[in-house]
Amino acid sequence: MMKTPTQHIVDASFKKAMDALCVQYQSDKALAADPISIPMTYASAIDRELASWIAAHLAYGRVGPMLNAIRRLLNPLGSQPAQWLRDCSEMRIKKELEPILRGWVWRFHNLEDMMSWLFAWKRMDKSTNYSGIESLLLPQDGSKADQRLSILINHMRQTLPQSSGIRFNLPDPLKGAACKRWRMFLRWMVRKNWPDFGIWEKYPLSELVIPLDTHVHRISRQIGLCCRRTQDARAAREITEALRALDPIDPLKYDFAIAHLGILGDCAGKRKQNCKCCPLDSVCYINVLYSRFTCGA
């Protein structure tokens, strides 16, 4: 009999399989295919925050071209991009970057969008007395983290240009959006274990929600972490809470491995020969259905 999602989560064999998946994808190959590899090249915490602000919000589409677009955008800012932004006026930044980056584009984003995105970080950093943007997203006065995120997003909607690229960066978590790129940025900033930076000391680990993309959603449904068909905020929270049953303190430790099982093409969403090598083979619904079909059950 095929197990229900709840039975999967409380089954010790399911946790063993998930932990094995984490070990398998804690690799240089997986890291090289992830946008976090770019801010990882910076030495200081504040430079990693700024680089992550850019990289996480451009993290969509085909991996190779996406990584190239992020690198090209960040390279002119030098090895200490946060200090360079702080030292330069917005007018000077535009004057220096526009000739170098003329023609830069990544799918929904153009150079004007990303100039505005850089300026947004620069202004928020200045508003916190040059301590980065963590304090602007901290839950306070009884508010939840998503309420604070929604407030910031709506403020940015009012103060940034109304281009399609900027709008794409500003989904509202309180209106059902999964907010994948914001969730990714927050995971990088808050988690202290590989591959994340753990830069932010005050943001509660318990408030993190899984960055939900197509790969994570599909694979989560295949292994019983999620029943919801729509890739939205409810699905993201359903998966996060299911993972919390495996690790109450750090449920998002499984996110990187689940995502890269899909990103690297190791899980095609249908039965293949390489499924036998996957740590999740015994708990994947595709394997159960395949076995039933081939055995005539």
Protein backbone atom coordinates (compact mmCIF):
# COMPACT_ATOMS: atom_id res chain seq x y z
CA MET A 1 0.00 0.00 0.00
CA MET A 2 1.30 3.48 -0.89
CA LYS A 3 1.99 5.57 2.18
CA THR A 4 0.22 8.85 2.89
CA PRO A 5 2.36 11.99 3.22
CA THR A 6 2.01 11.87 7.02
CA GLN A 7 3.15 8.26 7.15
CA HIS A 8 6.14 9.14 5.00
CA ILE A 9 7.28 11.91 7.31
CA VAL A 10 7.09 9.91 10.53
CA ASP A 11 8.82 6.93 8.92
CA ALA A 12 12.48 6.70 9.92
CA SER A 13 13.35 5.31 6.50
CA PHE A 14 12.03 8.50 4.88
CA LYS A 15 14.29 10.69 7.02
CA LYS A 16 17.22 8.41 6.23
CA ALA A 17 16.52 8.80 2.51
CA MET A 18 16.24 12.58 2.78
CA ASP A 19 19.46 12.84 4.79
CA ALA A 20 21.22 10.72 2.16
CA LEU A 21 19.97 13.08 -0.54
CA CYS A 22 21.51 16.03 1.34
CA VAL A 23 24.86 14.27 1.48
CA GLN A 24 24.74 13.42 -2.22
CA TYR A 25 24.16 17.03 -3.31
CA GLN A 26 26.63 18.62 -0.93
CA SER A 27 29.02 18.73 -3.84
CA ASP A 28 31.10 21.10 -5.93
CA LYS A 29 29.04 20.17 -9.00
CA ALA A 30 25.77 21.19 -7.39
CA LEU A 31 27.26 24.34 -5.89
CA ALA A 32 28.65 25.43 -9.26
CA ALA A 33 25.11 25.26 -10.68
CA ASP A 34 23.65 27.45 -7.93
CA PRO A 35 23.55 31.26 -7.81
CA ILE A 36 24.82 31.24 -4.22
CA SER A 37 28.23 30.35 -5.65
CA ILE A 38 28.61 33.94 -6.86
CA PRO A 39 28.16 35.87 -3.56
CA MET A 40 30.28 33.11 -1.97
CA THR A 41 33.31 34.57 -3.79
CA TYR A 42 33.16 37.79 -1.73
CA ALA A 43 35.04 37.99 1.55
CA SER A 44 32.98 40.27 3.77
CA ALA A 45 29.48 39.75 5.14
CA ILE A 46 28.13 43.02 3.75
CA ASP A 47 29.48 42.29 0.27
CA ARG A 48 27.88 38.86 0.39
CA GLU A 49 24.59 40.47 1.39
CA LEU A 50 24.67 42.90 -1.52
CA ALA A 51 25.79 40.24 -4.03
CA SER A 52 23.03 37.95 -2.74
CA TRP A 53 20.49 40.76 -3.13
CA ILE A 54 21.37 40.78 -6.82
CA ALA A 55 21.96 37.07 -7.40
CA ALA A 56 18.87 35.74 -5.61
CA HIS A 57 16.52 38.08 -7.44
CA LEU A 58 17.92 37.09 -10.83
CA ALA A 59 17.75 33.37 -10.00
CA TYR A 60 15.34 32.10 -12.60
CA GLY A 61 15.62 30.56 -16.05
CA ARG A 62 18.40 28.43 -17.50
CA VAL A 63 21.28 28.07 -15.06
CA GLY A 64 24.27 28.78 -17.31
CA PRO A 65 23.04 32.01 -18.90
CA MET A 66 21.59 33.14 -15.56
CA LEU A 67 24.94 32.77 -13.78
CA ASN A 68 26.71 34.60 -16.61
CA ALA A 69 24.21 37.48 -16.37
CA ILE A 70 24.74 37.81 -12.61
CA ARG A 71 28.53 37.76 -12.91
CA ARG A 72 28.52 40.33 -15.69
CA LEU A 73 26.33 42.65 -13.63
CA LEU A 74 28.42 42.36 -10.46
CA ASN A 75 31.93 42.39 -11.94
CA PRO A 76 32.13 46.17 -12.53
CA LEU A 77 31.35 46.77 -8.83
CA GLY A 78 34.73 45.32 -7.87
CA SER A 79 35.77 43.11 -4.96
CA GLN A 80 34.10 45.38 -2.36
CA PRO A 81 30.80 46.28 -4.03
CA ALA A 82 29.01 47.46 -0.87
CA GLN A 83 31.68 50.03 -0.05
CA TRP A 84 31.76 51.19 -3.66
CA LEU A 85 27.99 51.74 -3.61
CA ARG A 86 28.22 53.57 -0.29
CA ASP A 87 30.99 55.86 -1.52
CA CYS A 88 29.39 56.79 -4.84
CA SER A 89 26.36 58.93 -5.57
CA GLU A 90 23.57 57.38 -7.61
CA MET A 91 24.45 59.72 -10.47
CA ARG A 92 28.08 58.59 -10.46
CA ILE A 93 27.06 54.90 -10.28
CA LYS A 94 24.87 55.29 -13.35
CA LYS A 95 27.57 57.23 -15.19
CA GLU A 96 30.18 54.54 -14.52
CA LEU A 97 28.08 51.44 -15.01
CA GLU A 98 25.97 52.34 -18.05
CA PRO A 99 28.84 52.34 -20.59
CA ILE A 100 30.28 49.10 -19.21
CA LEU A 101 26.98 47.25 -18.98
CA ARG A 102 25.21 48.69 -22.01
CA GLY A 103 22.94 46.02 -23.48
CA TRP A 104 22.84 43.92 -20.30
CA VAL A 105 19.60 41.99 -20.02
CA TRP A 106 18.37 38.87 -18.30
CA ARG A 107 14.94 37.76 -19.47
CA PHE A 108 12.44 40.06 -17.67
CA HIS A 109 15.18 42.38 -16.36
CA ASN A 110 17.15 45.09 -18.08
CA LEU A 111 19.95 47.34 -16.86
CA GLU A 112 17.59 50.11 -15.70
CA ASP A 113 15.74 47.60 -13.51
CA MET A 114 18.94 46.43 -11.85
CA MET A 115 20.24 49.97 -11.37
CA SER A 116 17.03 50.65 -9.45
CA TRP A 117 17.54 47.42 -7.51
CA LEU A 118 21.08 48.45 -6.55
CA PHE A 119 19.85 51.88 -5.50
CA ALA A 120 17.11 50.29 -3.41
CA TRP A 121 19.70 48.35 -1.42
CA LYS A 122 21.93 51.44 -1.16
CA ARG A 123 19.06 53.55 0.28
CA MET A 124 17.93 50.84 2.70
CA ASP A 125 21.51 50.30 3.87
CA LYS A 126 21.85 54.03 4.52
CA SER A 127 18.55 54.05 6.44
CA THR A 128 19.94 51.45 8.87
CA ASN A 129 23.14 53.45 9.43
CA TYR A 130 25.07 51.23 7.04
CA SER A 131 24.30 47.93 8.72
CA GLY A 132 22.63 46.15 5.79
CA ILE A 133 18.92 45.43 5.52
CA GLU A 134 18.26 42.75 8.15
CA SER A 135 16.54 45.11 10.57
CA LEU A 136 14.00 46.09 7.90
CA LEU A 137 12.78 42.49 7.69
CA LEU A 138 12.86 41.50 11.36
CA PRO A 139 9.54 40.53 12.97
CA GLN A 140 8.70 43.09 15.67
CA ASP A 141 5.83 44.41 17.77
CA GLY A 142 3.97 41.13 17.40
CA SER A 143 4.20 41.06 13.61
CA LYS A 144 5.21 37.98 11.66
CA ALA A 145 8.15 37.91 9.27
CA ASP A 146 5.85 37.77 6.24
CA GLN A 147 4.04 40.87 7.43
CA ARG A 148 7.33 42.73 7.56
CA LEU A 149 8.28 41.40 4.14
CA SER A 150 4.92 42.51 2.74
CA ILE A 151 5.36 46.01 4.20
CA LEU A 152 8.81 46.34 2.62
CA ILE A 153 7.63 45.00 -0.73
CA ASN A 154 4.68 47.38 -0.85
CA HIS A 155 6.92 50.31 0.08
CA MET A 156 9.25 49.36 -2.77
CA ARG A 157 6.30 49.11 -5.14
CA GLN A 158 5.50 52.72 -4.36
CA THR A 159 9.05 54.07 -4.54
CA LEU A 160 10.69 52.12 -7.39
CA PRO A 161 9.95 52.41 -11.11
CA GLN A 162 6.89 50.54 -12.33
CA SER A 163 8.73 48.42 -14.88
CA SER A 164 7.92 44.76 -15.54
CA GLY A 165 11.31 43.69 -14.16
CA ILE A 166 10.80 45.54 -10.88
CA ARG A 167 7.24 44.26 -10.53
CA PHE A 168 8.56 40.73 -11.08
CA ASN A 169 10.82 41.22 -8.04
CA LEU A 170 8.00 42.34 -5.76
CA PRO A 171 5.44 39.56 -5.15
CA ASP A 172 3.40 39.92 -1.94
CA PRO A 173 3.55 36.93 0.45
CA LEU A 174 0.28 38.02 2.08
CA LYS A 175 -1.50 37.70 -1.26
CA GLY A 176 -0.57 34.09 -1.86
CA ALA A 177 2.75 34.48 -3.70
CA ALA A 178 5.42 31.85 -3.04
CA CYS A 179 8.11 34.60 -3.24
CA LYS A 180 10.76 32.09 -4.30
CA ARG A 181 13.59 34.60 -4.85
CA TRP A 182 12.94 36.46 -1.58
CA ARG A 183 12.81 33.12 0.27
CA MET A 184 16.10 32.15 -1.30
CA PHE A 185 17.74 35.43 -0.30
CA LEU A 186 16.49 35.00 3.27
CA ARG A 187 17.71 31.41 3.44
CA TRP A 188 21.18 32.47 2.32
CA MET A 189 21.29 35.25 4.91
CA VAL A 190 19.90 33.32 7.91
CA ARG A 191 20.93 29.64 7.79
CA LYS A 192 24.40 29.06 9.21
CA ASN A 193 25.07 25.64 7.67
CA TRP A 194 26.29 24.69 4.18
CA PRO A 195 25.83 26.20 1.69
CA ASP A 196 24.33 29.30 3.32
CA PHE A 197 26.07 32.30 4.89
CA GLY A 198 24.32 32.83 8.22
CA ILE A 199 25.17 36.54 8.08
CA TRP A 200 22.06 37.75 9.88
CA GLU A 201 22.12 37.12 13.61
CA LYS A 202 18.62 38.25 14.67
CA TYR A 203 16.26 36.98 11.99
CA PRO A 204 14.56 33.84 13.38
CA LEU A 205 15.47 30.59 11.64
CA SER A 206 11.96 29.37 12.42
CA GLU A 207 10.46 32.04 10.11
CA LEU A 208 12.18 30.76 6.97
CA VAL A 209 9.97 29.26 4.27
CA ILE A 210 11.27 27.04 1.47
CA PRO A 211 12.03 28.83 -1.84
CA LEU A 212 9.46 27.14 -4.02
CA ASP A 213 10.28 26.67 -7.69
CA THR A 214 9.08 24.17 -10.27
CA HIS A 215 11.67 21.55 -9.30
CA VAL A 216 11.06 21.74 -5.56
CA HIS A 217 7.29 21.68 -6.01
CA ARG A 218 7.26 18.73 -8.39
CA ILE A 219 9.69 16.60 -6.39
CA SER A 220 7.99 17.47 -3.11
CA ARG A 221 4.71 16.18 -4.52
CA GLN A 222 6.42 13.03 -5.81
CA ILE A 223 7.74 12.14 -2.36
CA GLY A 224 4.67 13.17 -0.39
CA LEU A 225 5.84 16.42 1.18
CA CYS A 226 3.03 18.32 -0.49
CA CYS A 227 -0.42 17.53 -1.89
CA ARG A 228 -1.21 20.99 -3.24
CA ARG A 229 -1.06 21.32 -7.03
CA THR A 230 -0.68 25.10 -7.14
CA GLN A 231 2.86 26.48 -6.75
CA ASP A 232 1.96 29.18 -4.21
CA ALA A 233 2.52 30.34 -0.63
CA ARG A 234 0.31 27.60 0.80
CA ALA A 235 2.30 24.91 -0.99
CA ALA A 236 5.58 26.44 0.21
CA ARG A 237 4.38 26.41 3.81
CA GLU A 238 3.01 22.88 3.47
CA ILE A 239 6.41 21.64 2.30
CA THR A 240 8.24 23.62 4.98
CA GLU A 241 6.09 22.15 7.74
CA ALA A 242 6.53 18.64 6.36
CA LEU A 243 10.31 19.12 6.41
CA ARG A 244 10.06 20.47 9.95
CA ALA A 245 8.90 17.00 10.98
CA LEU A 246 12.29 15.72 9.79
CA ASP A 247 14.33 18.53 11.35
CA PRO A 248 12.39 20.82 13.73
CA ILE A 249 15.29 23.29 14.01
CA ASP A 250 16.49 23.51 10.41
CA PRO A 251 13.89 22.21 7.95
CA LEU A 252 15.39 24.13 5.04
CA LYS A 253 18.58 22.10 5.14
CA TYR A 254 16.81 19.83 2.61
CA ASP A 255 16.01 22.62 0.14
CA PHE A 256 19.32 22.70 -1.74
CA ALA A 257 19.33 18.95 -2.35
CA ILE A 258 15.69 18.77 -3.48
CA ALA A 259 16.20 21.70 -5.85
CA HIS A 260 19.37 20.30 -7.40
CA LEU A 261 17.88 16.88 -7.88
CA GLY A 262 15.76 18.72 -10.45
CA ILE A 263 18.17 21.44 -11.61
CA LEU A 264 20.88 18.96 -12.57
CA GLY A 265 18.38 16.82 -14.47
CA ASP A 266 18.74 13.85 -12.13
CA CYS A 267 14.98 13.62 -11.66
CA ALA A 268 12.94 13.87 -14.83
CA GLY A 269 9.56 13.31 -13.18
CA LYS A 270 9.15 9.90 -14.78
CA ARG A 271 10.69 6.49 -14.25
CA LYS A 272 14.21 6.20 -15.71
CA GLN A 273 17.18 3.88 -15.26
CA ASN A 274 19.04 6.36 -13.06
CA CYS A 275 16.15 6.38 -10.54
CA LYS A 276 17.71 3.29 -8.97
CA CYS A 277 20.70 5.42 -7.92
CA CYS A 278 18.54 8.09 -6.23
CA PRO A 279 18.37 8.02 -2.40
CA LEU A 280 14.65 8.78 -2.71
CA ASP A 281 13.86 5.86 -5.00
CA SER A 282 12.18 3.81 -2.26
CA VAL A 283 9.98 6.70 -1.09
CA CYS A 284 9.10 8.24 -4.47
CA TYR A 285 5.53 7.81 -5.63
CA ILE A 286 6.72 7.42 -9.23
CA ASN A 287 8.61 4.27 -8.18
CA VAL A 288 5.54 2.94 -6.34
CA LEU A 289 3.28 3.53 -9.34
CA TYR A 290 5.87 2.06 -11.72
CA SER A 291 6.18 -1.06 -9.57
CA ARG A 292 2.43 -1.50 -9.47
CA PHE A 293 2.19 -1.14 -13.25
CA THR A 294 5.05 -3.51 -14.10
CA CYS A 295 3.93 -6.08 -11.52
CA GLY A 296 0.33 -5.95 -12.73
CA ALA A 297 -0.95 -4.88 -9.31
